[in-house]
C-alpha atoms as a PDB file:
ATOM      1  CA  MET A   1       0.236  -0.430  -0.149  1.00  0.00           C
ATOM      2  CA  ILE A   2       3.273   2.197   0.621  1.00  0.00           C
ATOM      3  CA  ARG A   3       4.311   1.538  -2.437  1.00  0.00           C
ATOM      4  CA  VAL A   4       1.398   2.074  -4.373  1.00  0.00           C
ATOM      5  CA  ALA A   5       1.038   5.392  -2.174  1.00  0.00           C
ATOM      6  CA  ARG A   6       4.182   6.774  -3.041  1.00  0.00           C
ATOM      7  CA  ASP A   7       3.762   5.422  -6.841  1.00  0.00           C
ATOM      8  CA  SER A   8       0.263   7.147  -7.640  1.00  0.00           C
ATOM      9  CA  GLY A   9       1.941  11.025  -6.282  1.00  0.00           C
ATOM     10  CA  ARG A  10      -0.729  10.852  -3.781  1.00  0.00           C
ATOM     11  CA  VAL A  11       1.837  10.302  -1.207  1.00  0.00           C
ATOM     12  CA  GLU A  12       5.553  12.109  -0.871  1.00  0.00           C
ATOM     13  CA  ILE A  13       7.775  10.012   1.677  1.00  0.00           C
ATOM     14  CA  ARG A  14      11.377  11.744   2.394  1.00  0.00           C
ATOM     15  CA  VAL A  15      14.021   9.059   4.629  1.00  0.00           C
ATOM     16  CA  VAL A  16      16.681  12.218   6.512  1.00  0.00           C
ATOM     17  CA  ASN A  17      20.206  10.742   7.022  1.00  0.00           C
ATOM     18  CA  LEU A  18      20.743  12.435  10.521  1.00  0.00           C
ATOM     19  CA  ARG A  19      24.902  11.308   9.978  1.00  0.00           C
ATOM     20  CA  GLU A  20      24.392  14.487   6.791  1.00  0.00           C
ATOM     21  CA  PHE A  21      23.940  16.196   9.935  1.00  0.00           C
ATOM     22  CA  THR A  22      26.896  16.044  12.218  1.00  0.00           C
ATOM     23  CA  ASP A  23      29.525  17.597  12.233  1.00  0.00           C
ATOM     24  CA  ASP A  24      32.272  14.782  13.535  1.00  0.00           C
ATOM     25  CA  PRO A  25      34.920  12.958  11.293  1.00  0.00           C
ATOM     26  CA  HIS A  26      33.046   9.797  12.154  1.00  0.00           C
ATOM     27  CA  ARG A  27      29.810  10.881  11.450  1.00  0.00           C
ATOM     28  CA  SER A  28      28.269  10.193  14.647  1.00  0.00           C
ATOM     29  CA  ILE A  29      24.498  10.396  16.065  1.00  0.00           C
ATOM     30  CA  ASP A  30      25.094   8.404  19.592  1.00  0.00           C
ATOM     31  CA  ASP A  31      26.945   8.858  22.262  1.00  0.00           C
ATOM     32  CA  TYR A  32      27.397   7.003  25.900  1.00  0.00           C
ATOM     33  CA  PRO A  33      25.132   8.556  28.605  1.00  0.00           C
ATOM     34  CA  TYR A  34      25.889  10.972  30.827  1.00  0.00           C
ATOM     35  CA  GLY A  35      26.075   9.219  34.479  1.00  0.00           C
ATOM     36  CA  GLY A  36      27.367   6.171  33.308  1.00  0.00           C
ATOM     37  CA  GLY A  37      25.226   2.420  32.036  1.00  0.00           C
ATOM     38  CA  PRO A  38      24.239   0.313  29.153  1.00  0.00           C
ATOM     39  CA  GLY A  39      23.537   1.761  25.465  1.00  0.00           C
ATOM     40  CA  MET A  40      24.053   4.474  23.736  1.00  0.00           C
ATOM     41  CA  ILE A  41      21.979   7.568  23.106  1.00  0.00           C
ATOM     42  CA  LEU A  42      20.940   9.267  19.721  1.00  0.00           C
ATOM     43  CA  LYS A  43      22.278  13.068  20.257  1.00  0.00           C
ATOM     44  CA  VAL A  44      20.260  15.814  20.093  1.00  0.00           C
ATOM     45  CA  GLU A  45      22.750  18.260  17.221  1.00  0.00           C
ATOM     46  CA  PRO A  46      21.598  15.828  14.574  1.00  0.00           C
ATOM     47  CA  VAL A  47      18.123  15.651  14.894  1.00  0.00           C
ATOM     48  CA  ALA A  48      17.450  19.654  15.422  1.00  0.00           C
ATOM     49  CA  ARG A  49      19.711  20.175  12.431  1.00  0.00           C
ATOM     50  CA  ALA A  50      17.568  17.690  10.376  1.00  0.00           C
ATOM     51  CA  LEU A  51      14.176  19.430  11.743  1.00  0.00           C
ATOM     52  CA  GLU A  52      15.352  22.658  10.451  1.00  0.00           C
ATOM     53  CA  SER A  53      16.918  21.981   7.231  1.00  0.00           C
ATOM     54  CA  LEU A  54      13.566  21.001   6.494  1.00  0.00           C
ATOM     55  CA  PRO A  55      11.132  22.786   3.987  1.00  0.00           C
ATOM     56  CA  PRO A  56       8.135  25.010   4.763  1.00  0.00           C
ATOM     57  CA  PRO A  57       5.360  22.502   6.095  1.00  0.00           C
ATOM     58  CA  LEU A  58       2.293  21.975   4.316  1.00  0.00           C
ATOM     59  CA  ARG A  59      -0.690  24.189   4.599  1.00  0.00           C
ATOM     60  CA  ASP A  60       1.406  26.362   7.359  1.00  0.00           C
ATOM     61  CA  ARG A  61       1.202  22.870   9.936  1.00  0.00           C
ATOM     62  CA  ARG A  62       3.364  20.490  10.528  1.00  0.00           C
ATOM     63  CA  GLU A  63       3.092  17.538  12.806  1.00  0.00           C
ATOM     64  CA  VAL A  64       6.680  16.249  14.204  1.00  0.00           C
ATOM     65  CA  VAL A  65       6.048  13.088  16.084  1.00  0.00           C
ATOM     66  CA  LEU A  66       8.451  11.104  18.530  1.00  0.00           C
ATOM     67  CA  LEU A  67       8.191   7.304  18.329  1.00  0.00           C
ATOM     68  CA  THR A  68       8.263   6.553  21.971  1.00  0.00           C
ATOM     69  CA  PRO A  69       7.354   3.307  24.054  1.00  0.00           C
ATOM     70  CA  GLN A  70       6.764   6.415  25.996  1.00  0.00           C
ATOM     71  CA  GLY A  71       4.395   8.500  23.763  1.00  0.00           C
ATOM     72  CA  ALA A  72       0.089   8.167  23.603  1.00  0.00           C
ATOM     73  CA  ARG A  73      -1.225   5.008  22.214  1.00  0.00           C
ATOM     74  CA  LEU A  74      -1.398   4.744  18.665  1.00  0.00           C
ATOM     75  CA  ASP A  75      -5.249   4.720  17.522  1.00  0.00           C
ATOM     76  CA  GLN A  76      -7.195   5.371  14.353  1.00  0.00           C
ATOM     77  CA  THR A  77      -8.611   8.517  15.797  1.00  0.00           C
ATOM     78  CA  MET A  78      -4.789   9.904  16.179  1.00  0.00           C
ATOM     79  CA  VAL A  79      -4.655   8.681  12.843  1.00  0.00           C
ATOM     80  CA  ARG A  80      -7.019  10.549  11.720  1.00  0.00           C
ATOM     81  CA  ARG A  81      -5.742  13.776  13.226  1.00  0.00           C
ATOM     82  CA  LEU A  82      -2.342  13.273  11.625  1.00  0.00           C
ATOM     83  CA  VAL A  83      -3.853  12.862   7.842  1.00  0.00           C
ATOM     84  CA  ASP A  84      -5.758  15.945   8.242  1.00  0.00           C
ATOM     85  CA  VAL A  85      -2.513  17.553   9.300  1.00  0.00           C
ATOM     86  CA  GLY A  86      -1.267  16.564   5.792  1.00  0.00           C
ATOM     87  CA  ASP A  87       2.665  17.293   6.437  1.00  0.00           C
ATOM     88  CA  VAL A  88       4.052  14.580   9.421  1.00  0.00           C
ATOM     89  CA  VAL A  89       7.745  13.943   9.979  1.00  0.00           C
ATOM     90  CA  LEU A  90       8.574  10.765  11.746  1.00  0.00           C
ATOM     91  CA  ALA A  91      11.903  10.628  14.162  1.00  0.00           C
ATOM     92  CA  PHE A  92      12.799   7.498  16.658  1.00  0.00           C
ATOM     93  CA  GLY A  93      16.294   6.130  18.081  1.00  0.00           C
ATOM     94  CA  ARG A  94      17.562   2.847  18.003  1.00  0.00           C
ATOM     95  CA  TYR A  95      19.004   0.801  20.836  1.00  0.00           C
ATOM     96  CA  LYS A  96      18.755   2.289  24.481  1.00  0.00           C
ATOM     97  CA  GLY A  97      16.938   5.877  23.699  1.00  0.00           C
ATOM     98  CA  LEU A  98      17.701   9.353  22.707  1.00  0.00           C
ATOM     99  CA  ASP A  99      18.676  12.441  24.068  1.00  0.00           C
ATOM    100  CA  GLU A 100      15.781  13.720  26.535  1.00  0.00           C
ATOM    101  CA  ARG A 101      16.441  16.846  24.965  1.00  0.00           C
ATOM    102  CA  ILE A 102      14.891  16.390  21.987  1.00  0.00           C
ATOM    103  CA  ARG A 103      11.172  15.591  23.101  1.00  0.00           C
ATOM    104  CA  SER A 104      11.497  19.666  23.175  1.00  0.00           C
ATOM    105  CA  LEU A 105      11.560  19.569  19.434  1.00  0.00           C
ATOM    106  CA  ALA A 106       8.402  16.927  18.940  1.00  0.00           C
ATOM    107  CA  THR A 107       5.000  18.127  18.486  1.00  0.00           C
ATOM    108  CA  ARG A 108       3.298  15.007  20.141  1.00  0.00           C
ATOM    109  CA  GLU A 109       4.873  11.029  21.306  1.00  0.00           C
ATOM    110  CA  ILE A 110       3.059   8.122  20.163  1.00  0.00           C
ATOM    111  CA  SER A 111       3.907   4.268  20.934  1.00  0.00           C
ATOM    112  CA  ILE A 112       2.850   1.964  18.832  1.00  0.00           C
ATOM    113  CA  GLY A 113       2.226  -0.350  21.620  1.00  0.00           C
ATOM    114  CA  ASP A 114       3.679  -1.971  25.038  1.00  0.00           C
ATOM    115  CA  TYR A 115       6.392  -3.482  23.909  1.00  0.00           C
ATOM    116  CA  ILE A 116      10.066  -2.772  22.812  1.00  0.00           C
ATOM    117  CA  LEU A 117      11.622  -2.719  19.555  1.00  0.00           C
ATOM    118  CA  SER A 118      15.234  -2.550  18.488  1.00  0.00           C
ATOM    119  CA  GLY A 119      14.517   0.804  16.849  1.00  0.00           C
ATOM    120  CA  GLY A 120      11.291   2.735  15.557  1.00  0.00           C
ATOM    121  CA  GLU A 121      11.814   1.996  12.012  1.00  0.00           C
ATOM    122  CA  PRO A 122       9.375  -0.631  12.274  1.00  0.00           C
ATOM    123  CA  ALA A 123       7.024   1.320  14.481  1.00  0.00           C
ATOM    124  CA  ALA A 124       7.669   4.290  11.801  1.00  0.00           C
ATOM    125  CA  VAL A 125       6.303   1.374   8.902  1.00  0.00           C
ATOM    126  CA  VAL A 126       3.220   1.121  11.175  1.00  0.00           C
ATOM    127  CA  LEU A 127       2.300   4.691  11.550  1.00  0.00           C
ATOM    128  CA  VAL A 128       2.823   5.175   7.287  1.00  0.00           C
ATOM    129  CA  ASP A 129       0.552   2.598   6.182  1.00  0.00           C
ATOM    130  CA  ALA A 130      -2.270   3.319   8.620  1.00  0.00           C
ATOM    131  CA  LEU A 131      -1.866   6.907   6.934  1.00  0.00           C
ATOM    132  CA  ALA A 132      -1.372   6.516   3.832  1.00  0.00           C
ATOM    133  CA  ARG A 133      -4.569   3.661   3.264  1.00  0.00           C
ATOM    134  CA  LEU A 134      -6.533   7.073   4.381  1.00  0.00           C
ATOM    135  CA  VAL A 135      -5.187   9.183   1.985  1.00  0.00           C
ATOM    136  CA  PRO A 136      -8.070   9.748  -0.775  1.00  0.00           C
ATOM    137  CA  GLY A 137      -7.263   8.203  -3.684  1.00  0.00           C
ATOM    138  CA  VAL A 138      -4.799   5.780  -2.540  1.00  0.00           C
ATOM    139  CA  LEU A 139      -7.139   2.774  -1.461  1.00  0.00           C
ATOM    140  CA  GLY A 140      -9.596   1.592  -4.740  1.00  0.00           C
ATOM    141  CA  ASP A 141     -12.422   1.699  -2.412  1.00  0.00           C
ATOM    142  CA  LEU A 142     -12.359   4.024   0.438  1.00  0.00           C
ATOM    143  CA  ASP A 143     -15.724   3.085   1.945  1.00  0.00           C
ATOM    144  CA  SER A 144     -13.800  -0.816   2.913  1.00  0.00           C
ATOM    145  CA  ALA A 145     -11.527   1.405   4.787  1.00  0.00           C
ATOM    146  CA  LEU A 146     -14.143   3.052   6.412  1.00  0.00           C
ATOM    147  CA  SER A 147     -16.143   0.404   7.574  1.00  0.00           C
ATOM    148  CA  ASP A 148     -12.399  -1.319   8.868  1.00  0.00           C
ATOM    149  CA  SER A 149     -12.045  -2.001  12.459  1.00  0.00           C
ATOM    150  CA  PHE A 150     -12.181   0.757  14.706  1.00  0.00           C
ATOM    151  CA  GLU A 151     -13.205   3.537  12.075  1.00  0.00           C
ATOM    152  CA  THR A 152     -16.531   3.270  13.746  1.00  0.00           C
ATOM    153  CA  GLY A 153     -15.178   2.503  17.717  1.00  0.00           C
ATOM    154  CA  ILE A 154     -15.861  -0.921  17.596  1.00  0.00           C
ATOM    155  CA  LEU A 155     -14.614  -3.678  15.764  1.00  0.00           C
ATOM    156  CA  ASP A 156     -15.692  -4.617  12.425  1.00  0.00           C
ATOM    157  CA  SER A 157     -18.304  -7.470  11.511  1.00  0.00           C
ATOM    158  CA  GLY A 158     -17.041 -10.824  10.262  1.00  0.00           C
ATOM    159  CA  TYR A 159     -17.148 -11.721   6.533  1.00  0.00           C
ATOM    160  CA  TYR A 160     -17.814 -14.317   4.166  1.00  0.00           C
ATOM    161  CA  THR A 161     -17.130 -15.070   0.681  1.00  0.00           C
ATOM    162  CA  ARG A 162     -17.372 -18.133  -1.472  1.00  0.00           C
ATOM    163  CA  PRO A 163     -17.825 -21.679  -0.559  1.00  0.00           C
ATOM    164  CA  GLU A 164     -21.462 -20.930   1.192  1.00  0.00           C
ATOM    165  CA  VAL A 165     -20.767 -24.009   2.822  1.00  0.00           C
ATOM    166  CA  TYR A 166     -16.985 -25.278   4.060  1.00  0.00           C
ATOM    167  CA  ARG A 167     -16.645 -28.408   6.460  1.00  0.00           C
ATOM    168  CA  GLY A 168     -19.944 -27.862   7.590  1.00  0.00           C
ATOM    169  CA  MET A 169     -19.837 -24.130   8.692  1.00  0.00           C
ATOM    170  CA  ARG A 170     -22.363 -21.952   6.660  1.00  0.00           C
ATOM    171  CA  VAL A 171     -22.243 -18.306   5.526  1.00  0.00           C
ATOM    172  CA  PRO A 172     -25.034 -16.724   7.902  1.00  0.00           C
ATOM    173  CA  ARG A 173     -28.750 -17.447   6.256  1.00  0.00           C
ATOM    174  CA  THR A 174     -28.949 -13.349   6.453  1.00  0.00           C
ATOM    175  CA  LEU A 175     -26.287 -12.454   3.979  1.00  0.00           C
ATOM    176  CA  LEU A 176     -27.736 -14.488   1.685  1.00  0.00           C
ATOM    177  CA  THR A 177     -31.421 -12.851   1.537  1.00  0.00           C
ATOM    178  CA  GLY A 178     -30.341  -9.745  -0.776  1.00  0.00           C
ATOM    179  CA  ASP A 179     -32.395  -7.360   1.749  1.00  0.00           C
ATOM    180  CA  HIS A 180     -29.428  -4.670   2.329  1.00  0.00           C
ATOM    181  CA  ALA A 181     -31.436  -3.127   5.290  1.00  0.00           C
ATOM    182  CA  ARG A 182     -31.314  -6.631   7.347  1.00  0.00           C
ATOM    183  CA  ILE A 183     -27.397  -7.285   6.125  1.00  0.00           C
ATOM    184  CA  LEU A 184     -27.147  -4.087   7.447  1.00  0.00           C
ATOM    185  CA  ARG A 185     -28.893  -4.918  10.986  1.00  0.00           C
ATOM    186  CA  HIS A 186     -26.915  -8.262  11.139  1.00  0.00           C
ATOM    187  CA  ARG A 187     -23.716  -6.794  10.846  1.00  0.00           C
ATOM    188  CA  ARG A 188     -24.189  -4.271  13.034  1.00  0.00           C
ATOM    189  CA  GLU A 189     -25.008  -6.462  16.258  1.00  0.00           C
ATOM    190  CA  GLU A 190     -22.476  -8.830  15.060  1.00  0.00           C
ATOM    191  CA  ALA A 191     -20.028  -6.189  15.073  1.00  0.00           C
ATOM    192  CA  LEU A 192     -21.327  -5.264  18.614  1.00  0.00           C
ATOM    193  CA  LEU A 193     -20.883  -8.370  20.084  1.00  0.00           C
ATOM    194  CA  ARG A 194     -17.636  -8.951  18.577  1.00  0.00           C
ATOM    195  CA  THR A 195     -16.484  -6.263  20.242  1.00  0.00           C
ATOM    196  CA  LEU A 196     -18.331  -6.920  23.388  1.00  0.00           C
ATOM    197  CA  ARG A 197     -16.681 -10.579  23.948  1.00  0.00           C
ATOM    198  CA  ARG A 198     -13.037  -9.504  22.627  1.00  0.00           C
ATOM    199  CA  ARG A 199     -12.634  -5.649  23.734  1.00  0.00           C
ATOM    200  CA  PRO A 200     -15.480  -4.915  25.765  1.00  0.00           C
ATOM    201  CA  ASP A 201     -13.606  -1.758  26.932  1.00  0.00           C
ATOM    202  CA  LEU A 202     -14.217  -0.326  23.425  1.00  0.00           C
ATOM    203  CA  LEU A 203     -17.881   0.321  23.909  1.00  0.00           C
ATOM    204  CA  SER A 204     -17.492   2.650  26.855  1.00  0.00           C
ATOM    205  CA  GLY A 205     -16.620   5.324  24.323  1.00  0.00           C
ATOM    206  CA  ALA A 206     -18.662   4.078  21.299  1.00  0.00           C
ATOM    207  CA  SER A 207     -21.557   5.750  19.588  1.00  0.00           C
ATOM    208  CA  LEU A 208     -24.527   3.843  20.131  1.00  0.00           C
ATOM    209  CA  THR A 209     -28.397   3.919  19.880  1.00  0.00           C
ATOM    210  CA  ARG A 210     -30.431   3.561  22.448  1.00  0.00           C
ATOM    211  CA  GLU A 211     -31.780   0.310  21.164  1.00  0.00           C
ATOM    212  CA  GLU A 212     -28.253  -1.208  20.877  1.00  0.00           C
ATOM    213  CA  ILE A 213     -27.624   0.496  24.635  1.00  0.00           C
ATOM    214  CA  VAL A 214     -30.520  -1.991  25.800  1.00  0.00           C
ATOM    215  CA  TRP A 215     -29.506  -4.738  23.349  1.00  0.00           C
ATOM    216  CA  LEU A 216     -25.819  -4.852  24.381  1.00  0.00           C
ATOM    217  CA  GLN A 217     -27.259  -5.018  27.756  1.00  0.00           C
ATOM    218  CA  ALA A 218     -29.611  -7.901  27.465  1.00  0.00           C
ATOM    219  CA  LYS A 219     -26.100  -9.791  26.136  1.00  0.00           C
ATOM    220  CA  GLY A 220     -24.274  -8.878  29.623  1.00  0.00           C
ATOM    221  CA  TRP A 221     -22.771  -5.541  28.820  1.00  0.00           C
ATOM    222  CA  THR A 222     -22.841  -2.932  31.837  1.00  0.00           C
ATOM    223  CA  PRO A 223     -22.250   0.426  30.763  1.00  0.00           C
ATOM    224  CA  PRO A 224     -19.528   2.205  33.183  1.00  0.00           C
ATOM    225  CA  PRO A 225     -20.081   3.696  36.319  1.00  0.00           C
ATOM    226  CA  GLY A 226     -21.736   6.617  35.807  1.00  0.00           C
ATOM    227  CA  ALA A 227     -22.378   6.972  32.108  1.00  0.00           C
ATOM    228  CA  LYS A 228     -24.793   9.106  31.046  1.00  0.00           C
ATOM    229  CA  SER A 229     -28.081   7.257  29.580  1.00  0.00           C
ATOM    230  CA  PRO A 230     -29.111   8.971  26.059  1.00  0.00           C
ATOM    231  CA  GLY A 231     -32.357  10.614  26.502  1.00  0.00           C
ATOM    232  CA  GLY A 232     -35.454  11.796  24.300  1.00  0.00           C
ATOM    233  CA  GLU A 233     -36.385   9.792  20.999  1.00  0.00           C
ATOM    234  CA  SER A 234     -34.112   7.147  19.609  1.00  0.00           C
ATOM    235  CA  GLU A 235     -35.090   8.231  15.778  1.00  0.00           C
ATOM    236  CA  ASP A 236     -33.889  11.318  14.045  1.00  0.00           C
ATOM    237  CA  LYS A 237     -36.996  12.290  12.805  1.00  0.00           C
ATOM    238  CA  THR A 238     -35.641  14.723  10.681  1.00  0.00           C
ATOM    239  CA  ALA A 239     -33.317  12.272   9.190  1.00  0.00           C
ATOM    240  CA  GLY A 240     -35.155   9.115   9.491  1.00  0.00           C
ATOM    241  CA  ARG A 241     -32.106   7.342  10.754  1.00  0.00           C
ATOM    242  CA  PRO A 242     -31.098   6.138  14.256  1.00  0.00           C
ATOM    243  CA  ARG A 243     -29.362   9.162  16.596  1.00  0.00           C
ATOM    244  CA  ARG A 244     -26.470   7.689  17.780  1.00  0.00           C
ATOM    245  CA  VAL A 245     -24.698   8.370  21.558  1.00  0.00           C
ATOM    246  CA  LYS A 246     -21.964   8.667  23.196  1.00  0.00           C
ATOM    247  CA  VAL A 247     -20.720   6.893  25.949  1.00  0.00           C
ATOM    248  CA  GLN A 248     -19.102   8.111  28.591  1.00  0.00           C
ATOM    249  CA  ALA A 249     -19.014   8.520  32.299  1.00  0.00           C
ATOM    250  CA  ARG A 250     -19.883  11.356  34.409  1.00  0.00           C
ATOM    251  CA  ARG A 251     -17.635  13.279  36.065  1.00  0.00           C
ATOM    252  CA  ASP A 252     -17.706  15.693  39.463  1.00  0.00           C
ATOM    253  CA  LYS A 253     -18.004  19.107  39.324  1.00  0.00           C
ATOM    254  CA  ASP A 254     -14.902  19.144  41.199  1.00  0.00           C
ATOM    255  CA  GLU A 255     -13.032  16.709  39.507  1.00  0.00           C
END
């Protein structure tokens, strides 16, 4: 997907070699930590010089993202925000870590999970792929991406293709009816049930209709303590569509 994005001209990716911004004969970009200890630390000077060498940001706005296990956990909402910016710089270290002063050069810090890699390159590839696929024109079917897990705040439903029966496992009959309204309802309910069973934590921030909240409670879901209960009509009378509410816990005024 990254290659398609680059070849189409819709995404430009530039790799900056930090060694080009050093001033010692060995072109060193890391050094031993002050105070002693194992490992090498990425130096602040090459990173600062590299950032200063970049052309002006697109749309007069740029995000400098520091990839670090101490950053905010990457999620789809964050990916969408970065796509909207359009100009994203990724900075990361290797091995032990980076000079603490590098943090002052970043606009945000991001982690892709609670585990340690040898360097930030795999994390950069993860984030670049997540960003590139949401750029209009990169995917052949953007609607497909918009129905993926996390795009709607919950996990996606399951999908099936031929054969209709495989080793006794059948495609759900609803998917064979051709009734699009029933199919949409089936997929939504399966997505909710899958989220309840596998990632119930996501439901606390999902947008749900009153009927969906009641349906989930019948399946064993308990809304978070102090959650706001949606009031009023469950149908949007102007659009004829279910009104979704954000499930969130109340906060006391003195918090």
